[in-house]
Amino acid sequence: MPFDYHNKLMGKKRKENQDKLVSTIVEAIAEKKGEAIVSLEMSKLPNHICKYFIICHADSTTQVSAIADNVEDKVIEHCKEKVWQKAGYENNIWIILDYVDVVVHIFQTEWRYFYKLESLWADANRVNYEVNEKGEVVPTRA
């Protein structure tokens, strides 16, 4: 029994950490004016590669890079986690930040609509995020 309790406790703690990571990433994206922020819960899909995808876009490569840098900085500051793998900084049209359970995709606008990741994973639970009139990031169901 103690082992089962430990597993449940650790599972709950891991979920809390994932939720904090997702909210920190979403807020960091919004802070740098990332557009059309979406999270896809991948964990319910068969053969999922991570628990969540977070997707957004920006109009310029400079802004794509600024969003990615801010995500890395805020995750270290608030979650004490470093990115495990990252790619795309060489051209800043699609930057991927891999936090193992959460993978962040930051696109330049035209490339987001070219690759259409959301439609590839249409069976995933989707949450859109908006910034309300108070400047808070709030989830809205798709």
N, C-alpha and C. Protein backbone atom coordinates (compact mmCIF):
# COMPACT_ATOMS: atom_id res chain seq x y z
N MET A 1 0.80 -1.21 0.00
CA MET A 1 0.00 0.00 0.00
C MET A 1 0.84 1.28 0.00
N PRO A 2 1.91 1.37 0.78
CA PRO A 2 2.69 2.61 0.76
C PRO A 2 3.20 2.95 -0.64
N PHE A 3 3.55 1.93 -1.41
CA PHE A 3 4.05 2.18 -2.77
C PHE A 3 2.95 2.80 -3.64
N ASP A 4 1.72 2.27 -3.54
CA ASP A 4 0.60 2.83 -4.29
C ASP A 4 0.34 4.28 -3.91
N TYR A 5 0.38 4.56 -2.62
CA TYR A 5 0.17 5.93 -2.14
C TYR A 5 1.26 6.85 -2.70
N HIS A 6 2.50 6.38 -2.67
CA HIS A 6 3.62 7.16 -3.19
C HIS A 6 3.42 7.46 -4.67
N ASN A 7 3.01 6.45 -5.45
CA ASN A 7 2.78 6.65 -6.88
C ASN A 7 1.67 7.66 -7.14
N LYS A 8 0.58 7.58 -6.38
CA LYS A 8 -0.52 8.54 -6.53
C LYS A 8 -0.06 9.95 -6.18
N LEU A 9 0.68 10.06 -5.10
CA LEU A 9 1.18 11.35 -4.66
C LEU A 9 2.12 11.94 -5.70
N MET A 10 3.02 11.13 -6.23
CA MET A 10 3.96 11.61 -7.24
C MET A 10 3.24 11.95 -8.55
N GLY A 11 2.22 11.17 -8.89
CA GLY A 11 1.43 11.47 -10.08
C GLY A 11 0.72 12.80 -9.96
N LYS A 12 0.17 13.07 -8.78
CA LYS A 12 -0.50 14.35 -8.53
C LYS A 12 0.50 15.50 -8.60
N LYS A 13 1.66 15.31 -8.01
CA LYS A 13 2.70 16.35 -8.02
C LYS A 13 3.17 16.62 -9.45
N ARG A 14 3.35 15.56 -10.23
CA ARG A 14 3.78 15.71 -11.62
C ARG A 14 2.74 16.49 -12.42
N LYS A 15 1.46 16.19 -12.20
CA LYS A 15 0.37 16.90 -12.89
C LYS A 15 0.38 18.38 -12.51
N GLU A 16 0.58 18.67 -11.23
CA GLU A 16 0.65 20.06 -10.78
C GLU A 16 1.82 20.78 -11.45
N ASN A 17 2.96 20.10 -11.55
CA ASN A 17 4.13 20.69 -12.21
C ASN A 17 3.87 20.93 -13.69
N GLN A 18 3.19 19.99 -14.35
CA GLN A 18 2.84 20.17 -15.77
C GLN A 18 1.91 21.36 -15.94
N ASP A 19 0.92 21.47 -15.08
CA ASP A 19 -0.03 22.59 -15.16
C ASP A 19 0.69 23.92 -14.98
N LYS A 20 1.61 23.96 -14.02
CA LYS A 20 2.37 25.19 -13.79
C LYS A 20 3.26 25.50 -14.99
N LEU A 21 3.87 24.48 -15.57
CA LEU A 21 4.71 24.66 -16.75
C LEU A 21 3.88 25.20 -17.92
N VAL A 22 2.72 24.61 -18.16
CA VAL A 22 1.86 25.07 -19.26
C VAL A 22 1.44 26.52 -19.03
N SER A 23 0.99 26.85 -17.84
CA SER A 23 0.54 28.23 -17.59
C SER A 23 1.69 29.22 -17.68
N THR A 24 2.87 28.84 -17.22
CA THR A 24 4.04 29.73 -17.32
C THR A 24 4.39 29.97 -18.78
N ILE A 25 4.37 28.93 -19.59
CA ILE A 25 4.69 29.06 -21.01
C ILE A 25 3.66 29.94 -21.71
N VAL A 26 2.39 29.70 -21.46
CA VAL A 26 1.33 30.49 -22.10
C VAL A 26 1.46 31.96 -21.72
N GLU A 27 1.70 32.25 -20.45
CA GLU A 27 1.86 33.63 -20.01
C GLU A 27 3.10 34.28 -20.62
N ALA A 28 4.19 33.53 -20.74
CA ALA A 28 5.41 34.06 -21.35
C ALA A 28 5.18 34.39 -22.83
N ILE A 29 4.43 33.55 -23.52
CA ILE A 29 4.10 33.81 -24.93
C ILE A 29 3.25 35.08 -25.03
N ALA A 30 2.22 35.18 -24.21
CA ALA A 30 1.32 36.34 -24.25
C ALA A 30 2.06 37.63 -23.92
N GLU A 31 3.01 37.54 -23.00
CA GLU A 31 3.79 38.72 -22.60
C GLU A 31 4.54 39.33 -23.79
N LYS A 32 4.95 38.49 -24.72
CA LYS A 32 5.67 38.97 -25.91
C LYS A 32 4.76 39.04 -27.13
N LYS A 33 3.46 39.07 -26.87
CA LYS A 33 2.45 39.27 -27.93
C LYS A 33 2.37 38.14 -28.95
N GLY A 34 2.62 36.90 -28.50
CA GLY A 34 2.38 35.76 -29.37
C GLY A 34 0.90 35.68 -29.69
N GLU A 35 0.57 35.25 -30.88
CA GLU A 35 -0.82 35.26 -31.33
C GLU A 35 -1.41 33.86 -31.41
N ALA A 36 -2.74 33.80 -31.25
CA ALA A 36 -3.51 32.56 -31.38
C ALA A 36 -2.87 31.42 -30.59
N ILE A 37 -2.71 31.64 -29.28
CA ILE A 37 -2.08 30.65 -28.41
C ILE A 37 -3.06 29.49 -28.18
N VAL A 38 -2.56 28.28 -28.39
CA VAL A 38 -3.37 27.08 -28.27
C VAL A 38 -2.58 26.02 -27.52
N SER A 39 -3.25 25.28 -26.63
CA SER A 39 -2.62 24.08 -26.08
C SER A 39 -3.44 22.87 -26.53
N LEU A 40 -2.74 21.82 -26.86
CA LEU A 40 -3.36 20.56 -27.25
C LEU A 40 -2.94 19.51 -26.23
N GLU A 41 -3.91 18.88 -25.58
CA GLU A 41 -3.59 17.82 -24.63
C GLU A 41 -3.43 16.52 -25.41
N MET A 42 -2.20 16.07 -25.49
CA MET A 42 -1.87 14.91 -26.31
C MET A 42 -1.97 13.59 -25.54
N SER A 43 -2.03 13.66 -24.21
CA SER A 43 -1.91 12.46 -23.38
C SER A 43 -3.03 11.45 -23.59
N LYS A 44 -4.16 11.87 -24.09
CA LYS A 44 -5.27 10.94 -24.30
C LYS A 44 -5.19 10.24 -25.67
N LEU A 45 -4.27 10.68 -26.50
CA LEU A 45 -4.13 10.09 -27.84
C LEU A 45 -3.23 8.86 -27.78
N PRO A 46 -3.50 7.86 -28.61
CA PRO A 46 -2.62 6.69 -28.64
C PRO A 46 -1.24 7.09 -29.16
N ASN A 47 -0.22 6.48 -28.60
CA ASN A 47 1.17 6.71 -29.02
C ASN A 47 1.58 8.18 -28.96
N HIS A 48 1.12 8.89 -27.93
CA HIS A 48 1.47 10.30 -27.81
C HIS A 48 2.96 10.45 -27.48
N ILE A 49 3.55 11.52 -27.98
CA ILE A 49 4.98 11.76 -27.77
C ILE A 49 5.24 12.71 -26.60
N CYS A 50 4.21 13.39 -26.14
CA CYS A 50 4.32 14.27 -25.00
C CYS A 50 2.92 14.47 -24.42
N LYS A 51 2.82 15.19 -23.33
CA LYS A 51 1.51 15.43 -22.72
C LYS A 51 0.79 16.61 -23.36
N TYR A 52 1.54 17.65 -23.72
CA TYR A 52 0.95 18.86 -24.28
C TYR A 52 1.80 19.42 -25.41
N PHE A 53 1.13 19.95 -26.43
CA PHE A 53 1.72 20.85 -27.40
C PHE A 53 1.17 22.24 -27.07
N ILE A 54 2.02 23.23 -27.14
CA ILE A 54 1.57 24.62 -27.07
C ILE A 54 2.03 25.27 -28.36
N ILE A 55 1.11 25.92 -29.05
CA ILE A 55 1.38 26.47 -30.37
C ILE A 55 0.99 27.95 -30.39
N CYS A 56 1.82 28.75 -31.05
CA CYS A 56 1.50 30.16 -31.26
C CYS A 56 2.23 30.64 -32.50
N HIS A 57 1.99 31.90 -32.87
CA HIS A 57 2.73 32.47 -33.99
C HIS A 57 2.97 33.96 -33.76
N ALA A 58 3.87 34.49 -34.58
CA ALA A 58 4.19 35.92 -34.58
C ALA A 58 4.52 36.32 -36.01
N ASP A 59 4.41 37.61 -36.30
CA ASP A 59 4.58 38.07 -37.68
C ASP A 59 6.03 38.15 -38.15
N SER A 60 6.97 38.33 -37.24
CA SER A 60 8.37 38.50 -37.66
C SER A 60 9.28 37.46 -37.01
N THR A 61 10.41 37.21 -37.64
CA THR A 61 11.38 36.28 -37.07
C THR A 61 11.96 36.85 -35.77
N THR A 62 12.07 38.17 -35.68
CA THR A 62 12.56 38.79 -34.45
C THR A 62 11.62 38.51 -33.29
N GLN A 63 10.33 38.61 -33.55
CA GLN A 63 9.35 38.35 -32.49
C GLN A 63 9.30 36.87 -32.14
N VAL A 64 9.42 35.99 -33.12
CA VAL A 64 9.47 34.54 -32.86
C VAL A 64 10.61 34.23 -31.89
N SER A 65 11.77 34.79 -32.16
CA SER A 65 12.94 34.58 -31.30
C SER A 65 12.71 35.18 -29.91
N ALA A 66 12.13 36.37 -29.85
CA ALA A 66 11.87 37.02 -28.56
C ALA A 66 10.90 36.20 -27.71
N ILE A 67 9.88 35.64 -28.34
CA ILE A 67 8.93 34.79 -27.62
C ILE A 67 9.64 33.57 -27.05
N ALA A 68 10.44 32.90 -27.89
CA ALA A 68 11.16 31.70 -27.44
C ALA A 68 12.10 32.02 -26.29
N ASP A 69 12.84 33.12 -26.41
CA ASP A 69 13.75 33.52 -25.33
C ASP A 69 12.99 33.78 -24.04
N ASN A 70 11.84 34.45 -24.15
CA ASN A 70 11.04 34.75 -22.96
C ASN A 70 10.49 33.48 -22.32
N VAL A 71 10.06 32.54 -23.14
CA VAL A 71 9.58 31.26 -22.60
C VAL A 71 10.70 30.58 -21.81
N GLU A 72 11.88 30.48 -22.41
CA GLU A 72 13.00 29.85 -21.70
C GLU A 72 13.29 30.55 -20.39
N ASP A 73 13.35 31.89 -20.41
CA ASP A 73 13.66 32.66 -19.20
C ASP A 73 12.60 32.47 -18.12
N LYS A 74 11.33 32.56 -18.49
CA LYS A 74 10.24 32.47 -17.50
C LYS A 74 10.12 31.06 -16.93
N VAL A 75 10.35 30.05 -17.74
CA VAL A 75 10.28 28.67 -17.23
C VAL A 75 11.41 28.43 -16.23
N ILE A 76 12.59 28.92 -16.51
CA ILE A 76 13.68 28.79 -15.53
C ILE A 76 13.33 29.54 -14.25
N GLU A 77 12.83 30.76 -14.40
CA GLU A 77 12.50 31.59 -13.24
C GLU A 77 11.38 31.00 -12.38
N HIS A 78 10.30 30.57 -13.00
CA HIS A 78 9.11 30.14 -12.25
C HIS A 78 9.02 28.64 -12.00
N CYS A 79 9.60 27.84 -12.87
CA CYS A 79 9.47 26.38 -12.75
C CYS A 79 10.80 25.69 -12.45
N LYS A 80 11.88 26.44 -12.53
CA LYS A 80 13.23 25.89 -12.28
C LYS A 80 13.57 24.76 -13.24
N GLU A 81 13.08 24.85 -14.48
CA GLU A 81 13.36 23.84 -15.50
C GLU A 81 14.06 24.48 -16.69
N LYS A 82 15.04 23.77 -17.21
CA LYS A 82 15.69 24.19 -18.45
C LYS A 82 15.10 23.38 -19.59
N VAL A 83 15.12 23.99 -20.77
CA VAL A 83 14.63 23.30 -21.95
C VAL A 83 15.52 22.08 -22.20
N TRP A 84 14.91 20.95 -22.54
CA TRP A 84 15.67 19.72 -22.77
C TRP A 84 16.31 19.74 -24.15
N GLN A 85 15.53 20.08 -25.16
CA GLN A 85 16.03 20.21 -26.53
C GLN A 85 15.37 21.44 -27.15
N LYS A 86 16.08 22.08 -28.07
CA LYS A 86 15.48 23.19 -28.81
C LYS A 86 16.04 23.20 -30.22
N ALA A 87 15.22 23.70 -31.14
CA ALA A 87 15.63 23.75 -32.54
C ALA A 87 14.92 24.93 -33.21
N GLY A 88 15.54 25.43 -34.27
CA GLY A 88 14.92 26.47 -35.08
C GLY A 88 15.46 27.86 -34.89
N TYR A 89 16.39 28.05 -33.96
CA TYR A 89 16.94 29.39 -33.73
C TYR A 89 17.78 29.89 -34.90
N GLU A 90 18.21 28.96 -35.77
CA GLU A 90 19.06 29.39 -36.89
C GLU A 90 18.30 30.23 -37.92
N ASN A 91 16.97 30.05 -38.04
CA ASN A 91 16.22 30.87 -38.99
C ASN A 91 14.98 31.53 -38.38
N ASN A 92 14.59 31.13 -37.20
CA ASN A 92 13.48 31.74 -36.45
C ASN A 92 12.14 31.75 -37.19
N ILE A 93 11.90 30.75 -38.04
CA ILE A 93 10.57 30.67 -38.66
C ILE A 93 9.70 29.63 -37.93
N TRP A 94 10.34 28.68 -37.25
CA TRP A 94 9.63 27.69 -36.44
C TRP A 94 10.61 27.23 -35.36
N ILE A 95 10.40 27.71 -34.15
CA ILE A 95 11.25 27.31 -33.02
C ILE A 95 10.48 26.30 -32.19
N ILE A 96 11.17 25.22 -31.86
CA ILE A 96 10.60 24.18 -31.00
C ILE A 96 11.39 24.15 -29.70
N LEU A 97 10.66 24.22 -28.59
CA LEU A 97 11.25 24.09 -27.26
C LEU A 97 10.65 22.83 -26.63
N ASP A 98 11.50 21.87 -26.33
CA ASP A 98 11.04 20.58 -25.82
C ASP A 98 11.33 20.49 -24.32
N TYR A 99 10.27 20.48 -23.54
CA TYR A 99 10.37 20.31 -22.09
C TYR A 99 9.93 18.90 -21.68
N VAL A 100 10.09 17.94 -22.55
CA VAL A 100 9.76 16.53 -22.40
C VAL A 100 8.24 16.31 -22.39
N ASP A 101 7.55 16.70 -21.32
CA ASP A 101 6.10 16.53 -21.26
C ASP A 101 5.34 17.62 -22.02
N VAL A 102 5.99 18.74 -22.24
CA VAL A 102 5.38 19.88 -22.93
C VAL A 102 6.31 20.32 -24.05
N VAL A 103 5.78 20.38 -25.27
CA VAL A 103 6.57 20.82 -26.43
C VAL A 103 5.93 22.09 -26.97
N VAL A 104 6.74 23.13 -27.12
CA VAL A 104 6.27 24.45 -27.55
C VAL A 104 6.68 24.66 -29.01
N HIS A 105 5.71 25.09 -29.82
CA HIS A 105 5.94 25.39 -31.24
C HIS A 105 5.65 26.87 -31.45
N ILE A 106 6.67 27.63 -31.82
CA ILE A 106 6.52 29.07 -32.06
C ILE A 106 6.83 29.31 -33.53
N PHE A 107 5.81 29.67 -34.28
CA PHE A 107 5.92 29.82 -35.73
C PHE A 107 5.94 31.28 -36.15
N GLN A 108 6.54 31.53 -37.30
CA GLN A 108 6.25 32.75 -38.02
C GLN A 108 4.89 32.48 -38.69
N THR A 109 4.03 33.47 -38.76
CA THR A 109 2.62 33.30 -39.12
C THR A 109 2.40 32.40 -40.33
N GLU A 110 3.03 32.71 -41.45
CA GLU A 110 2.76 31.95 -42.68
C GLU A 110 3.11 30.47 -42.54
N TRP A 111 4.13 30.16 -41.75
CA TRP A 111 4.55 28.77 -41.58
C TRP A 111 3.58 28.01 -40.68
N ARG A 112 2.99 28.68 -39.74
CA ARG A 112 1.98 28.00 -38.91
C ARG A 112 0.83 27.53 -39.78
N TYR A 113 0.38 28.39 -40.66
CA TYR A 113 -0.76 28.03 -41.51
C TYR A 113 -0.38 27.07 -42.62
N PHE A 114 0.89 26.99 -42.95
CA PHE A 114 1.37 26.01 -43.92
C PHE A 114 1.38 24.61 -43.30
N TYR A 115 1.94 24.49 -42.09
CA TYR A 115 2.07 23.17 -41.45
C TYR A 115 0.79 22.70 -40.76
N LYS A 116 -0.04 23.60 -40.27
CA LYS A 116 -1.34 23.26 -39.68
C LYS A 116 -1.26 22.15 -38.63
N LEU A 117 -0.40 22.33 -37.64
CA LEU A 117 -0.25 21.30 -36.60
C LEU A 117 -1.56 20.99 -35.89
N GLU A 118 -2.37 22.01 -35.65
CA GLU A 118 -3.63 21.77 -34.96
C GLU A 118 -4.50 20.77 -35.72
N SER A 119 -4.50 20.84 -37.03
CA SER A 119 -5.35 19.91 -37.80
C SER A 119 -4.75 18.50 -37.82
N LEU A 120 -3.43 18.40 -37.71
CA LEU A 120 -2.81 17.07 -37.63
C LEU A 120 -3.20 16.35 -36.34
N TRP A 121 -3.42 17.11 -35.29
CA TRP A 121 -3.75 16.56 -33.98
C TRP A 121 -5.17 16.98 -33.58
N ALA A 122 -6.09 16.93 -34.52
CA ALA A 122 -7.46 17.40 -34.30
C ALA A 122 -8.20 16.63 -33.21
N ASP A 123 -7.78 15.41 -32.90
CA ASP A 123 -8.43 14.61 -31.86
C ASP A 123 -8.00 15.00 -30.45
N ALA A 124 -6.99 15.83 -30.34
CA ALA A 124 -6.51 16.25 -29.02
C ALA A 124 -7.48 17.26 -28.41
N ASN A 125 -7.57 17.25 -27.07
CA ASN A 125 -8.35 18.28 -26.39
C ASN A 125 -7.65 19.61 -26.59
N ARG A 126 -8.40 20.60 -27.05
CA ARG A 126 -7.82 21.89 -27.42
C ARG A 126 -8.32 22.99 -26.49
N VAL A 127 -7.38 23.85 -26.08
CA VAL A 127 -7.73 25.04 -25.32
C VAL A 127 -7.09 26.23 -26.01
N ASN A 128 -7.90 27.25 -26.31
CA ASN A 128 -7.39 28.51 -26.84
C ASN A 128 -7.18 29.46 -25.67
N TYR A 129 -6.26 30.39 -25.81
CA TYR A 129 -6.00 31.37 -24.75
C TYR A 129 -6.15 32.77 -25.32
N GLU A 130 -6.72 33.65 -24.50
CA GLU A 130 -6.88 35.05 -24.86
C GLU A 130 -6.38 35.90 -23.71
N VAL A 131 -6.04 37.14 -24.02
CA VAL A 131 -5.70 38.12 -22.99
C VAL A 131 -6.95 38.97 -22.79
N ASN A 132 -7.47 38.98 -21.55
CA ASN A 132 -8.70 39.74 -21.29
C ASN A 132 -8.39 41.22 -21.08
N GLU A 133 -9.43 42.01 -20.80
CA GLU A 133 -9.28 43.46 -20.66
C GLU A 133 -8.42 43.84 -19.46
N LYS A 134 -8.25 42.93 -18.50
CA LYS A 134 -7.38 43.18 -17.34
C LYS A 134 -5.93 42.80 -17.63
N GLY A 135 -5.67 42.28 -18.82
CA GLY A 135 -4.32 41.85 -19.17
C GLY A 135 -3.97 40.45 -18.70
N GLU A 136 -4.99 39.70 -18.24
CA GLU A 136 -4.76 38.33 -17.77
C GLU A 136 -4.96 37.35 -18.92
N VAL A 137 -4.16 36.30 -18.90
CA VAL A 137 -4.32 35.24 -19.90
C VAL A 137 -5.37 34.27 -19.39
N VAL A 138 -6.41 34.06 -20.19
CA VAL A 138 -7.51 33.18 -19.77
C VAL A 138 -7.77 32.12 -20.83
N PRO A 139 -8.05 30.89 -20.38
CA PRO A 139 -8.36 29.83 -21.34
C PRO A 139 -9.80 29.94 -21.83
N THR A 140 -9.99 29.56 -23.08
CA THR A 140 -11.33 29.44 -23.65
C THR A 140 -11.37 28.13 -24.40
N ARG A 141 -12.41 27.37 -24.23
CA ARG A 141 -12.52 26.09 -24.94
C ARG A 141 -12.73 26.34 -26.42
N ALA A 142 -12.13 25.49 -27.23
CA ALA A 142 -12.28 25.64 -28.69
C ALA A 142 -13.62 25.13 -29.14
